[in-house]
Amino acid sequence: MTLYATQKFLYQLNRDPAAQKRYASDRDAATAGFDLSDDERRALIAPDIGLLFHLGVNGQILMHFAAHHQIPWADYLQLMRDGVATHGQPRAGVYAVTGYGGVGSADDDRRPTPETR
């Protein structure tokens, strides 16, 4: 159940100023009390938005984590695309990526065309 622990960590980080202070001062220590896989811990410490997306982290929670790191919206979306390109489709959670480029990329061939609308 490590995805749950990852999302719980992010939920607390996104809402709790004390958790934010702990994370800012020592990311390793801030993640220590959570049942995380090595990949999850590494992605939270880095931060690695693409890997977290691949691991199945909810986008609503993840976008606040990106904002916490002052990652602009367009860059956040690109980091998710890069995560799919690097790590593959999200392996858990509720996200399904359509098309070959994923996450609304320009080469998503399943978009309706004027002929198919």
N, C-alpha and C. Protein backbone atom coordinates (compact mmCIF):
# COMPACT_ATOMS: atom_id res chain seq x y z
N MET A 1 0.82 -1.21 0.00
CA MET A 1 0.00 0.00 0.00
C MET A 1 0.85 1.26 0.00
N THR A 2 1.93 1.26 -0.70
CA THR A 2 2.81 2.42 -0.65
C THR A 2 2.25 3.62 -1.40
N LEU A 3 1.44 3.40 -2.44
CA LEU A 3 0.84 4.55 -3.13
C LEU A 3 0.01 5.36 -2.14
N TYR A 4 -0.74 4.68 -1.30
CA TYR A 4 -1.52 5.37 -0.27
C TYR A 4 -0.60 6.20 0.62
N ALA A 5 0.52 5.62 1.05
CA ALA A 5 1.46 6.34 1.92
C ALA A 5 2.05 7.55 1.21
N THR A 6 2.36 7.40 -0.07
CA THR A 6 2.91 8.52 -0.85
C THR A 6 1.90 9.66 -0.92
N GLN A 7 0.66 9.31 -1.24
CA GLN A 7 -0.37 10.34 -1.35
C GLN A 7 -0.70 10.95 0.01
N LYS A 8 -0.64 10.16 1.05
CA LYS A 8 -0.86 10.69 2.40
C LYS A 8 0.24 11.69 2.75
N PHE A 9 1.49 11.34 2.43
CA PHE A 9 2.60 12.27 2.66
C PHE A 9 2.36 13.58 1.92
N LEU A 10 2.02 13.48 0.64
CA LEU A 10 1.81 14.68 -0.17
C LEU A 10 0.62 15.50 0.33
N TYR A 11 -0.44 14.82 0.72
CA TYR A 11 -1.61 15.52 1.26
C TYR A 11 -1.21 16.33 2.50
N GLN A 12 -0.47 15.71 3.39
CA GLN A 12 -0.03 16.41 4.59
C GLN A 12 0.92 17.55 4.25
N LEU A 13 1.84 17.29 3.33
CA LEU A 13 2.79 18.33 2.92
C LEU A 13 2.05 19.52 2.31
N ASN A 14 1.05 19.23 1.50
CA ASN A 14 0.31 20.29 0.82
C ASN A 14 -0.51 21.15 1.77
N ARG A 15 -0.84 20.64 2.94
CA ARG A 15 -1.76 21.34 3.84
C ARG A 15 -1.16 21.80 5.17
N ASP A 16 -0.08 21.20 5.59
CA ASP A 16 0.43 21.42 6.94
C ASP A 16 1.74 22.21 6.93
N PRO A 17 1.73 23.45 7.43
CA PRO A 17 2.96 24.25 7.46
C PRO A 17 4.11 23.58 8.24
N ALA A 18 3.79 22.82 9.27
CA ALA A 18 4.85 22.12 10.02
C ALA A 18 5.49 21.04 9.14
N ALA A 19 4.69 20.32 8.37
CA ALA A 19 5.22 19.31 7.45
C ALA A 19 6.07 19.98 6.37
N GLN A 20 5.64 21.14 5.90
CA GLN A 20 6.41 21.88 4.90
C GLN A 20 7.76 22.32 5.46
N LYS A 21 7.77 22.73 6.70
CA LYS A 21 9.01 23.15 7.35
C LYS A 21 9.97 21.96 7.49
N ARG A 22 9.44 20.80 7.92
CA ARG A 22 10.27 19.59 8.04
C ARG A 22 10.84 19.20 6.68
N TYR A 23 10.01 19.24 5.66
CA TYR A 23 10.44 18.87 4.31
C TYR A 23 11.51 19.83 3.80
N ALA A 24 11.33 21.11 4.08
CA ALA A 24 12.30 22.10 3.62
C ALA A 24 13.66 21.93 4.31
N SER A 25 13.64 21.52 5.56
CA SER A 25 14.91 21.41 6.29
C SER A 25 15.60 20.06 6.09
N ASP A 26 14.84 18.98 5.89
CA ASP A 26 15.46 17.66 5.73
C ASP A 26 14.45 16.71 5.06
N ARG A 27 14.54 16.61 3.75
CA ARG A 27 13.58 15.80 3.00
C ARG A 27 13.65 14.32 3.38
N ASP A 28 14.86 13.82 3.64
CA ASP A 28 14.98 12.42 4.05
C ASP A 28 14.23 12.17 5.35
N ALA A 29 14.44 13.02 6.32
CA ALA A 29 13.78 12.86 7.62
C ALA A 29 12.27 13.05 7.49
N ALA A 30 11.84 13.97 6.64
CA ALA A 30 10.42 14.25 6.48
C ALA A 30 9.67 13.04 5.90
N THR A 31 10.34 12.26 5.07
CA THR A 31 9.69 11.09 4.45
C THR A 31 9.88 9.81 5.27
N ALA A 32 10.70 9.86 6.30
CA ALA A 32 11.09 8.66 7.04
C ALA A 32 9.93 7.93 7.71
N GLY A 33 8.93 8.63 8.17
CA GLY A 33 7.84 7.99 8.89
C GLY A 33 6.76 7.39 8.01
N PHE A 34 6.99 7.28 6.73
CA PHE A 34 5.98 6.79 5.79
C PHE A 34 6.46 5.50 5.14
N ASP A 35 5.55 4.58 4.91
CA ASP A 35 5.85 3.29 4.29
C ASP A 35 5.97 3.48 2.78
N LEU A 36 7.13 3.93 2.33
CA LEU A 36 7.37 4.28 0.93
C LEU A 36 8.33 3.29 0.30
N SER A 37 8.15 3.06 -0.98
CA SER A 37 9.14 2.29 -1.74
C SER A 37 10.36 3.19 -1.97
N ASP A 38 11.44 2.58 -2.40
CA ASP A 38 12.64 3.37 -2.71
C ASP A 38 12.37 4.38 -3.81
N ASP A 39 11.61 3.97 -4.85
CA ASP A 39 11.27 4.88 -5.94
C ASP A 39 10.43 6.06 -5.44
N GLU A 40 9.45 5.77 -4.60
CA GLU A 40 8.60 6.84 -4.07
C GLU A 40 9.40 7.83 -3.25
N ARG A 41 10.24 7.31 -2.36
CA ARG A 41 11.06 8.18 -1.51
C ARG A 41 11.98 9.04 -2.37
N ARG A 42 12.62 8.41 -3.35
CA ARG A 42 13.54 9.15 -4.24
C ARG A 42 12.80 10.24 -5.00
N ALA A 43 11.60 9.92 -5.49
CA ALA A 43 10.81 10.89 -6.26
C ALA A 43 10.34 12.05 -5.39
N LEU A 44 9.99 11.77 -4.15
CA LEU A 44 9.56 12.84 -3.24
C LEU A 44 10.72 13.74 -2.84
N ILE A 45 11.88 13.16 -2.69
CA ILE A 45 13.05 13.94 -2.28
C ILE A 45 13.59 14.77 -3.43
N ALA A 46 13.53 14.26 -4.66
CA ALA A 46 14.17 14.92 -5.81
C ALA A 46 13.72 16.35 -6.09
N PRO A 47 12.52 16.75 -6.28
CA PRO A 47 11.30 16.02 -6.59
C PRO A 47 11.27 15.59 -8.06
N ASP A 48 10.62 14.45 -8.31
CA ASP A 48 10.50 13.90 -9.65
C ASP A 48 9.01 13.74 -9.98
N ILE A 49 8.43 14.77 -10.56
CA ILE A 49 7.00 14.79 -10.88
C ILE A 49 6.64 13.64 -11.83
N GLY A 50 7.47 13.42 -12.84
CA GLY A 50 7.19 12.37 -13.82
C GLY A 50 7.16 10.99 -13.20
N LEU A 51 8.08 10.70 -12.31
CA LEU A 51 8.10 9.39 -11.65
C LEU A 51 6.90 9.26 -10.72
N LEU A 52 6.58 10.30 -9.99
CA LEU A 52 5.41 10.25 -9.11
C LEU A 52 4.13 10.00 -9.91
N PHE A 53 4.00 10.65 -11.07
CA PHE A 53 2.84 10.42 -11.94
C PHE A 53 2.82 8.97 -12.40
N HIS A 54 3.97 8.46 -12.83
CA HIS A 54 4.08 7.07 -13.26
C HIS A 54 3.68 6.11 -12.14
N LEU A 55 4.04 6.44 -10.92
CA LEU A 55 3.72 5.59 -9.77
C LEU A 55 2.24 5.64 -9.40
N GLY A 56 1.49 6.57 -9.99
CA GLY A 56 0.05 6.62 -9.80
C GLY A 56 -0.46 7.70 -8.88
N VAL A 57 0.39 8.67 -8.52
CA VAL A 57 -0.05 9.74 -7.62
C VAL A 57 -1.16 10.55 -8.29
N ASN A 58 -2.19 10.83 -7.53
CA ASN A 58 -3.33 11.62 -7.98
C ASN A 58 -2.87 12.99 -8.45
N GLY A 59 -3.34 13.40 -9.64
CA GLY A 59 -2.93 14.67 -10.23
C GLY A 59 -3.32 15.89 -9.40
N GLN A 60 -4.44 15.81 -8.69
CA GLN A 60 -4.86 16.94 -7.84
C GLN A 60 -3.87 17.15 -6.70
N ILE A 61 -3.38 16.06 -6.14
CA ILE A 61 -2.39 16.15 -5.06
C ILE A 61 -1.05 16.56 -5.65
N LEU A 62 -0.70 15.96 -6.79
CA LEU A 62 0.60 16.20 -7.41
C LEU A 62 0.76 17.63 -7.88
N MET A 63 -0.31 18.26 -8.37
CA MET A 63 -0.17 19.64 -8.86
C MET A 63 0.14 20.60 -7.72
N HIS A 64 -0.34 20.32 -6.52
CA HIS A 64 -0.01 21.17 -5.37
C HIS A 64 1.45 20.97 -4.96
N PHE A 65 1.93 19.74 -5.08
CA PHE A 65 3.34 19.46 -4.80
C PHE A 65 4.22 20.21 -5.78
N ALA A 66 3.82 20.22 -7.05
CA ALA A 66 4.57 20.97 -8.07
C ALA A 66 4.56 22.46 -7.75
N ALA A 67 3.41 22.97 -7.36
CA ALA A 67 3.32 24.39 -7.00
C ALA A 67 4.19 24.69 -5.79
N HIS A 68 4.23 23.78 -4.84
CA HIS A 68 5.10 23.95 -3.66
C HIS A 68 6.56 24.13 -4.10
N HIS A 69 6.94 23.46 -5.18
CA HIS A 69 8.30 23.58 -5.71
C HIS A 69 8.42 24.68 -6.77
N GLN A 70 7.38 25.49 -6.88
CA GLN A 70 7.34 26.63 -7.80
C GLN A 70 7.55 26.19 -9.26
N ILE A 71 6.96 25.07 -9.60
CA ILE A 71 7.01 24.57 -10.97
C ILE A 71 5.81 25.14 -11.71
N PRO A 72 6.03 25.92 -12.75
CA PRO A 72 4.92 26.49 -13.51
C PRO A 72 4.03 25.39 -14.12
N TRP A 73 2.76 25.73 -14.33
CA TRP A 73 1.76 24.78 -14.81
C TRP A 73 2.21 24.07 -16.09
N ALA A 74 2.67 24.81 -17.08
CA ALA A 74 3.09 24.19 -18.35
C ALA A 74 4.25 23.22 -18.13
N ASP A 75 5.16 23.58 -17.24
CA ASP A 75 6.29 22.70 -16.94
C ASP A 75 5.82 21.45 -16.20
N TYR A 76 4.85 21.62 -15.30
CA TYR A 76 4.26 20.49 -14.58
C TYR A 76 3.67 19.48 -15.57
N LEU A 77 2.89 19.98 -16.53
CA LEU A 77 2.30 19.09 -17.53
C LEU A 77 3.38 18.39 -18.36
N GLN A 78 4.43 19.13 -18.72
CA GLN A 78 5.52 18.53 -19.49
C GLN A 78 6.26 17.48 -18.66
N LEU A 79 6.43 17.74 -17.37
CA LEU A 79 7.11 16.76 -16.51
C LEU A 79 6.31 15.46 -16.44
N MET A 80 4.98 15.55 -16.45
CA MET A 80 4.16 14.34 -16.48
C MET A 80 4.34 13.62 -17.81
N ARG A 81 4.35 14.36 -18.92
CA ARG A 81 4.58 13.74 -20.24
C ARG A 81 5.95 13.06 -20.27
N ASP A 82 6.95 13.77 -19.74
CA ASP A 82 8.30 13.21 -19.70
C ASP A 82 8.34 11.95 -18.84
N GLY A 83 7.57 11.94 -17.75
CA GLY A 83 7.51 10.75 -16.90
C GLY A 83 6.95 9.56 -17.64
N VAL A 84 5.93 9.78 -18.46
CA VAL A 84 5.36 8.70 -19.26
C VAL A 84 6.39 8.23 -20.29
N ALA A 85 7.08 9.16 -20.92
CA ALA A 85 8.09 8.80 -21.92
C ALA A 85 9.25 8.03 -21.29
N THR A 86 9.64 8.42 -20.09
CA THR A 86 10.79 7.80 -19.42
C THR A 86 10.43 6.50 -18.71
N HIS A 87 9.33 6.53 -17.97
CA HIS A 87 8.99 5.41 -17.08
C HIS A 87 7.85 4.54 -17.58
N GLY A 88 7.07 5.04 -18.52
CA GLY A 88 5.92 4.29 -19.02
C GLY A 88 4.62 4.80 -18.42
N GLN A 89 3.54 4.17 -18.82
CA GLN A 89 2.21 4.55 -18.38
C GLN A 89 2.13 4.51 -16.85
N PRO A 90 1.24 5.32 -16.27
CA PRO A 90 1.03 5.20 -14.82
C PRO A 90 0.68 3.76 -14.47
N ARG A 91 1.34 3.24 -13.46
CA ARG A 91 1.16 1.82 -13.15
C ARG A 91 0.16 1.55 -12.04
N ALA A 92 -0.37 2.60 -11.45
CA ALA A 92 -1.37 2.45 -10.39
C ALA A 92 -2.28 3.66 -10.44
N GLY A 93 -3.27 3.68 -9.60
CA GLY A 93 -4.15 4.85 -9.55
C GLY A 93 -5.20 4.82 -10.63
N VAL A 94 -5.76 5.96 -10.92
CA VAL A 94 -6.93 6.05 -11.79
C VAL A 94 -6.62 6.62 -13.18
N TYR A 95 -5.38 6.84 -13.50
CA TYR A 95 -5.05 7.53 -14.74
C TYR A 95 -4.82 6.57 -15.89
N ALA A 96 -5.45 6.86 -16.99
CA ALA A 96 -5.21 6.15 -18.24
C ALA A 96 -4.73 7.17 -19.24
N VAL A 97 -3.64 6.88 -19.87
CA VAL A 97 -3.06 7.80 -20.84
C VAL A 97 -3.43 7.29 -22.22
N THR A 98 -3.99 8.18 -23.05
CA THR A 98 -4.41 7.78 -24.39
C THR A 98 -3.42 8.26 -25.43
N GLY A 99 -3.35 7.59 -26.54
CA GLY A 99 -2.49 7.99 -27.64
C GLY A 99 -1.06 7.60 -27.41
N TYR A 100 -0.26 7.75 -28.42
CA TYR A 100 1.14 7.34 -28.34
C TYR A 100 1.98 8.32 -27.54
N GLY A 101 1.66 9.61 -27.61
CA GLY A 101 2.46 10.60 -26.89
C GLY A 101 2.00 10.79 -25.46
N GLY A 102 0.75 10.46 -25.17
CA GLY A 102 0.24 10.52 -23.82
C GLY A 102 -0.04 11.92 -23.35
N VAL A 103 -0.82 12.03 -22.33
CA VAL A 103 -1.17 13.25 -21.61
C VAL A 103 -1.43 14.42 -22.55
N GLY A 104 -2.30 14.18 -23.53
CA GLY A 104 -2.72 15.26 -24.43
C GLY A 104 -1.65 15.76 -25.36
N SER A 105 -0.71 14.92 -25.71
CA SER A 105 0.37 15.38 -26.59
C SER A 105 -0.15 15.60 -28.01
N ALA A 106 0.66 16.29 -28.80
CA ALA A 106 0.27 16.62 -30.17
C ALA A 106 0.11 15.38 -31.04
N ASP A 107 0.77 14.28 -30.66
CA ASP A 107 0.67 13.07 -31.48
C ASP A 107 -0.32 12.06 -30.90
N ASP A 108 -1.27 12.53 -30.12
CA ASP A 108 -2.34 11.68 -29.62
C ASP A 108 -3.31 11.43 -30.78
N ASP A 109 -3.19 10.25 -31.42
CA ASP A 109 -3.95 9.99 -32.64
C ASP A 109 -5.40 9.62 -32.38
N ARG A 110 -5.85 9.63 -31.14
CA ARG A 110 -7.24 9.30 -30.85
C ARG A 110 -8.12 10.53 -30.74
N ARG A 111 -7.58 11.70 -30.95
CA ARG A 111 -8.40 12.91 -30.93
C ARG A 111 -9.33 12.92 -32.12
N PRO A 112 -10.54 13.43 -31.94
CA PRO A 112 -11.44 13.50 -33.09
C PRO A 112 -10.89 14.44 -34.15
N THR A 113 -11.07 14.05 -35.38
CA THR A 113 -10.70 14.90 -36.51
C THR A 113 -12.00 15.39 -37.12
N PRO A 114 -11.95 16.38 -38.00
CA PRO A 114 -13.20 16.83 -38.64
C PRO A 114 -13.94 15.67 -39.32
N GLU A 115 -13.20 14.68 -39.83
CA GLU A 115 -13.82 13.55 -40.52
C GLU A 115 -14.53 12.61 -39.55
N THR A 116 -14.04 12.51 -38.29
CA THR A 116 -14.59 11.55 -37.34
C THR A 116 -15.55 12.16 -36.33
N ARG A 117 -15.76 13.45 -36.38
CA ARG A 117 -16.66 14.10 -35.42
C ARG A 117 -18.09 13.85 -35.74
